[in-house]
């Protein structure tokens, strides 16, 4: 009986802090169950957008490219319809890297 009284007394003391404890437990469990991947994905998209590599509304852009028949949806990804278009954009990337390398060497 004495143990039950002591435990209920301890619970009354911890009760105001209990929501914060459960919030912390939920946060830890959520991050371990895939929440960290969501945060990493959002941060990666933000960095790529800030550096000008992708548009802010990427999915809308890709869907518009699909409507214009530049891309084709293949499951959860997109592929180029025309091989020449793929090679053109690949060459642009290598040209940009070459010009940056030359500019740094000057």
N, C-alpha and C. Protein backbone atom coordinates (compact mmCIF):
# COMPACT_ATOMS: atom_id res chain seq x y z
N UNK A 1 0.82 -1.20 0.00
CA UNK A 1 0.00 0.00 0.00
C UNK A 1 0.87 1.26 0.00
N UNK A 2 1.94 1.22 0.78
CA UNK A 2 2.82 2.38 0.86
C UNK A 2 3.43 2.68 -0.50
N UNK A 3 3.77 1.63 -1.27
CA UNK A 3 4.35 1.79 -2.60
C UNK A 3 3.38 2.47 -3.56
N UNK A 4 2.11 2.09 -3.50
CA UNK A 4 1.10 2.69 -4.38
C UNK A 4 0.93 4.17 -4.06
N UNK A 5 0.94 4.51 -2.81
CA UNK A 5 0.82 5.92 -2.41
C UNK A 5 2.01 6.71 -2.92
N UNK A 6 3.19 6.16 -2.79
CA UNK A 6 4.39 6.85 -3.26
C UNK A 6 4.37 7.03 -4.78
N UNK A 7 3.93 6.00 -5.50
CA UNK A 7 3.88 6.09 -6.96
C UNK A 7 2.86 7.12 -7.43
N UNK A 8 1.69 7.15 -6.82
CA UNK A 8 0.69 8.15 -7.22
C UNK A 8 1.17 9.55 -6.88
N UNK A 9 1.89 9.70 -5.78
CA UNK A 9 2.44 11.01 -5.43
C UNK A 9 3.48 11.44 -6.48
N UNK A 10 4.32 10.51 -6.90
CA UNK A 10 5.30 10.81 -7.93
C UNK A 10 4.62 11.17 -9.25
N UNK A 11 3.54 10.48 -9.60
CA UNK A 11 2.82 10.77 -10.84
C UNK A 11 2.21 12.16 -10.80
N UNK A 12 1.73 12.58 -9.66
CA UNK A 12 1.15 13.93 -9.55
C UNK A 12 2.23 14.99 -9.77
N UNK A 13 3.42 14.70 -9.33
CA UNK A 13 4.52 15.65 -9.52
C UNK A 13 4.93 15.69 -10.99
N UNK A 14 4.96 14.52 -11.65
CA UNK A 14 5.40 14.45 -13.04
C UNK A 14 4.31 14.84 -14.04
N UNK A 15 3.07 14.89 -13.62
CA UNK A 15 1.96 15.12 -14.53
C UNK A 15 2.10 16.38 -15.37
N UNK A 16 2.50 17.53 -14.83
CA UNK A 16 2.65 18.71 -15.70
C UNK A 16 3.72 18.53 -16.77
N UNK A 17 4.74 17.75 -16.50
CA UNK A 17 5.81 17.55 -17.47
C UNK A 17 5.50 16.41 -18.44
N UNK A 18 4.47 15.64 -18.15
CA UNK A 18 4.18 14.46 -18.95
C UNK A 18 3.94 14.76 -20.43
N UNK A 19 3.19 15.79 -20.81
CA UNK A 19 3.02 16.05 -22.25
C UNK A 19 4.34 16.30 -22.97
N UNK A 20 5.27 16.96 -22.30
CA UNK A 20 6.56 17.24 -22.92
C UNK A 20 7.38 15.95 -23.06
N UNK A 21 7.25 15.06 -22.10
CA UNK A 21 7.95 13.77 -22.19
C UNK A 21 7.41 12.99 -23.38
N UNK A 22 6.08 12.92 -23.51
CA UNK A 22 5.49 12.18 -24.63
C UNK A 22 5.79 12.85 -25.96
N UNK A 23 5.87 14.15 -25.97
CA UNK A 23 6.26 14.85 -27.19
C UNK A 23 7.68 14.48 -27.60
N UNK A 24 8.58 14.42 -26.65
CA UNK A 24 9.95 14.02 -26.92
C UNK A 24 10.04 12.58 -27.39
N UNK A 25 9.30 11.69 -26.74
CA UNK A 25 9.29 10.29 -27.16
C UNK A 25 8.73 10.17 -28.58
N UNK A 26 7.64 10.89 -28.85
CA UNK A 26 7.06 10.85 -30.20
C UNK A 26 8.00 11.39 -31.25
N UNK A 27 8.73 12.43 -30.91
CA UNK A 27 9.70 13.00 -31.85
C UNK A 27 10.83 12.02 -32.16
N UNK A 28 11.33 11.37 -31.13
CA UNK A 28 12.40 10.39 -31.33
C UNK A 28 11.92 9.22 -32.16
N UNK A 29 10.75 8.70 -31.83
CA UNK A 29 10.20 7.56 -32.59
C UNK A 29 9.91 7.97 -34.03
N UNK A 30 9.35 9.15 -34.21
CA UNK A 30 9.03 9.63 -35.56
C UNK A 30 10.27 9.80 -36.43
N UNK A 31 11.33 10.32 -35.85
CA UNK A 31 12.58 10.48 -36.61
C UNK A 31 13.19 9.14 -36.96
N UNK A 32 13.06 8.18 -36.06
CA UNK A 32 13.60 6.84 -36.34
C UNK A 32 12.77 6.08 -37.36
N UNK A 33 11.51 6.42 -37.51
CA UNK A 33 10.62 5.69 -38.41
C UNK A 33 10.44 6.38 -39.76
N UNK A 34 11.34 7.22 -40.16
CA UNK A 34 11.26 7.83 -41.48
C UNK A 34 11.17 9.34 -41.48
N UNK A 35 10.98 9.93 -40.33
CA UNK A 35 10.90 11.38 -40.26
C UNK A 35 12.19 12.06 -40.65
N UNK A 36 13.30 11.42 -40.34
CA UNK A 36 14.61 11.99 -40.71
C UNK A 36 14.77 12.04 -42.22
N UNK A 37 14.25 11.03 -42.91
CA UNK A 37 14.33 11.01 -44.38
C UNK A 37 13.51 12.13 -44.99
N UNK A 38 12.36 12.42 -44.40
CA UNK A 38 11.52 13.52 -44.89
C UNK A 38 12.22 14.85 -44.71
N UNK A 39 12.84 15.03 -43.57
CA UNK A 39 13.55 16.28 -43.30
C UNK A 39 14.75 16.42 -44.25
N UNK A 40 15.51 15.34 -44.46
CA UNK A 40 16.64 15.38 -45.37
C UNK A 40 16.20 15.70 -46.79
N UNK A 41 15.07 15.12 -47.21
CA UNK A 41 14.54 15.37 -48.55
C UNK A 41 14.17 16.84 -48.71
N UNK A 42 13.49 17.39 -47.72
CA UNK A 42 13.07 18.80 -47.78
C UNK A 42 14.29 19.73 -47.80
N UNK A 43 15.29 19.43 -46.99
CA UNK A 43 16.49 20.27 -46.95
C UNK A 43 17.25 20.19 -48.28
N UNK A 44 17.35 18.98 -48.84
CA UNK A 44 18.03 18.82 -50.13
C UNK A 44 17.33 19.61 -51.22
N UNK A 45 15.99 19.53 -51.28
CA UNK A 45 15.26 20.29 -52.30
C UNK A 45 15.42 21.79 -52.09
N UNK A 46 15.46 22.23 -50.84
CA UNK A 46 15.65 23.65 -50.56
C UNK A 46 17.03 24.11 -51.02
N UNK A 47 18.05 23.33 -50.73
CA UNK A 47 19.42 23.69 -51.15
C UNK A 47 19.52 23.73 -52.67
N UNK A 48 18.97 22.72 -53.34
CA UNK A 48 19.03 22.70 -54.80
C UNK A 48 18.27 23.88 -55.41
N UNK A 49 17.16 24.26 -54.79
CA UNK A 49 16.40 25.41 -55.29
C UNK A 49 17.17 26.71 -55.06
N UNK A 50 17.75 26.87 -53.88
CA UNK A 50 18.49 28.10 -53.57
C UNK A 50 19.70 28.28 -54.48
N UNK A 51 20.32 27.18 -54.88
CA UNK A 51 21.48 27.26 -55.77
C UNK A 51 21.09 27.33 -57.25
N UNK A 52 19.80 27.25 -57.53
CA UNK A 52 19.33 27.41 -58.90
C UNK A 52 19.38 26.15 -59.74
N UNK A 53 19.49 24.99 -59.12
CA UNK A 53 19.55 23.75 -59.88
C UNK A 53 18.18 23.20 -60.24
N UNK A 54 17.18 23.46 -59.42
CA UNK A 54 15.82 22.98 -59.70
C UNK A 54 14.83 24.11 -59.45
N UNK A 55 13.66 24.07 -60.12
CA UNK A 55 12.64 25.08 -59.83
C UNK A 55 11.98 24.79 -58.48
N UNK A 56 11.36 25.83 -57.91
CA UNK A 56 10.73 25.69 -56.60
C UNK A 56 9.60 24.66 -56.64
N UNK A 57 8.77 24.73 -57.66
CA UNK A 57 7.66 23.78 -57.81
C UNK A 57 8.09 22.69 -58.80
N UNK A 58 8.93 21.80 -58.34
CA UNK A 58 9.56 20.80 -59.20
C UNK A 58 8.54 19.85 -59.83
N UNK A 59 7.60 19.36 -59.06
CA UNK A 59 6.63 18.39 -59.59
C UNK A 59 5.76 19.05 -60.67
N UNK A 60 5.36 20.28 -60.43
CA UNK A 60 4.57 21.00 -61.44
C UNK A 60 5.38 21.19 -62.73
N UNK A 61 6.66 21.51 -62.58
CA UNK A 61 7.55 21.66 -63.73
C UNK A 61 7.68 20.34 -64.50
N UNK A 62 7.87 19.24 -63.77
CA UNK A 62 8.02 17.94 -64.42
C UNK A 62 6.71 17.51 -65.11
N UNK A 63 5.58 17.78 -64.47
CA UNK A 63 4.30 17.45 -65.10
C UNK A 63 4.07 18.29 -66.35
N UNK A 64 4.45 19.56 -66.32
CA UNK A 64 4.33 20.41 -67.50
C UNK A 64 5.24 19.91 -68.61
N UNK A 65 6.45 19.46 -68.25
CA UNK A 65 7.35 18.89 -69.25
C UNK A 65 6.78 17.60 -69.85
N UNK A 66 6.04 16.86 -69.05
CA UNK A 66 5.37 15.66 -69.55
C UNK A 66 4.25 16.03 -70.51
N UNK A 67 3.50 17.07 -70.19
CA UNK A 67 2.43 17.54 -71.08
C UNK A 67 2.98 18.04 -72.42
N UNK A 68 4.20 18.61 -72.38
CA UNK A 68 4.82 19.11 -73.61
C UNK A 68 5.61 18.03 -74.35
N UNK A 69 5.58 16.82 -73.86
CA UNK A 69 6.21 15.62 -74.44
C UNK A 69 7.74 15.73 -74.47
N UNK A 70 8.31 16.43 -73.50
CA UNK A 70 9.76 16.39 -73.31
C UNK A 70 10.14 15.19 -72.45
N UNK A 71 9.27 14.88 -71.50
CA UNK A 71 9.50 13.78 -70.57
C UNK A 71 8.34 12.80 -70.64
N UNK A 72 8.58 11.59 -70.12
CA UNK A 72 7.52 10.60 -69.99
C UNK A 72 7.58 10.07 -68.57
N UNK A 73 6.40 9.90 -67.97
CA UNK A 73 6.35 9.38 -66.61
C UNK A 73 6.51 7.87 -66.66
N UNK A 74 7.44 7.37 -65.84
CA UNK A 74 7.68 5.93 -65.77
C UNK A 74 7.62 5.52 -64.30
N UNK A 75 6.44 5.14 -63.84
CA UNK A 75 6.27 4.83 -62.42
C UNK A 75 6.35 6.10 -61.60
N UNK A 76 7.29 6.14 -60.66
CA UNK A 76 7.47 7.33 -59.83
C UNK A 76 8.57 8.24 -60.33
N UNK A 77 9.08 7.99 -61.53
CA UNK A 77 10.17 8.82 -62.06
C UNK A 77 9.81 9.32 -63.45
N UNK A 78 10.71 10.09 -64.02
CA UNK A 78 10.53 10.66 -65.35
C UNK A 78 11.71 10.28 -66.23
N UNK A 79 11.46 10.06 -67.50
CA UNK A 79 12.54 9.77 -68.45
C UNK A 79 12.36 10.67 -69.66
N UNK A 80 13.47 10.97 -70.33
CA UNK A 80 13.39 11.77 -71.55
C UNK A 80 12.79 10.95 -72.67
N UNK A 81 11.96 11.59 -73.48
CA UNK A 81 11.35 10.91 -74.62
C UNK A 81 12.35 10.85 -75.77
N UNK A 82 13.10 11.93 -75.96
CA UNK A 82 14.04 12.03 -77.07
C UNK A 82 15.47 11.89 -76.57
N UNK A 83 16.21 11.00 -77.17
CA UNK A 83 17.61 10.76 -76.78
C UNK A 83 18.46 12.01 -77.02
N UNK A 84 18.19 12.73 -78.11
CA UNK A 84 18.96 13.93 -78.43
C UNK A 84 18.79 14.99 -77.35
N UNK A 85 17.60 15.10 -76.79
CA UNK A 85 17.35 16.08 -75.73
C UNK A 85 18.15 15.72 -74.47
N UNK A 86 18.18 14.45 -74.14
CA UNK A 86 18.97 13.98 -73.01
C UNK A 86 20.45 14.31 -73.21
N UNK A 87 20.97 14.01 -74.38
CA UNK A 87 22.38 14.28 -74.66
C UNK A 87 22.68 15.77 -74.66
N UNK A 88 21.74 16.60 -75.13
CA UNK A 88 21.93 18.04 -75.13
C UNK A 88 22.09 18.57 -73.71
N UNK A 89 21.19 18.16 -72.81
CA UNK A 89 21.28 18.62 -71.42
C UNK A 89 22.51 18.06 -70.73
N UNK A 90 22.91 16.85 -71.05
CA UNK A 90 24.13 16.28 -70.47
C UNK A 90 25.35 17.08 -70.93
N UNK A 91 25.38 17.49 -72.20
CA UNK A 91 26.49 18.30 -72.70
C UNK A 91 26.52 19.68 -72.06
N UNK A 92 25.35 20.24 -71.78
CA UNK A 92 25.31 21.54 -71.10
C UNK A 92 25.97 21.47 -69.74
N UNK A 93 25.72 20.41 -69.03
CA UNK A 93 26.31 20.24 -67.70
C UNK A 93 27.82 20.13 -67.79
N UNK A 94 28.31 19.34 -68.74
CA UNK A 94 29.76 19.20 -68.86
C UNK A 94 30.41 20.50 -69.35
N UNK A 95 29.73 21.25 -70.20
CA UNK A 95 30.26 22.55 -70.65
C UNK A 95 30.34 23.53 -69.49
N UNK A 96 29.33 23.53 -68.62
CA UNK A 96 29.32 24.43 -67.47
C UNK A 96 30.47 24.08 -66.53
N UNK A 97 30.69 22.80 -66.30
CA UNK A 97 31.78 22.38 -65.43
C UNK A 97 33.13 22.75 -66.03
N UNK A 98 33.27 22.60 -67.34
CA UNK A 98 34.53 22.96 -67.99
C UNK A 98 34.79 24.46 -67.89
N UNK A 99 33.75 25.28 -68.11
CA UNK A 99 33.93 26.73 -68.04
C UNK A 99 34.25 27.17 -66.61
N UNK A 100 33.66 26.51 -65.60
CA UNK A 100 33.98 26.85 -64.21
C UNK A 100 35.41 26.46 -63.89
N UNK A 101 35.87 25.33 -64.39
CA UNK A 101 37.23 24.89 -64.15
C UNK A 101 38.22 25.87 -64.77
N UNK A 102 37.92 26.35 -65.98
CA UNK A 102 38.80 27.29 -66.66
C UNK A 102 38.83 28.63 -65.92
N UNK A 103 37.66 29.07 -65.45
CA UNK A 103 37.58 30.35 -64.73
C UNK A 103 38.36 30.29 -63.42
N UNK A 104 38.35 29.15 -62.75
CA UNK A 104 39.09 29.02 -61.48
C UNK A 104 40.60 28.98 -61.72
N UNK A 105 41.02 28.48 -62.86
CA UNK A 105 42.45 28.38 -63.11
C UNK A 105 43.07 29.72 -63.50
N UNK A 106 42.27 30.69 -63.88
CA UNK A 106 42.80 32.01 -64.29
C UNK A 106 43.20 32.84 -63.12
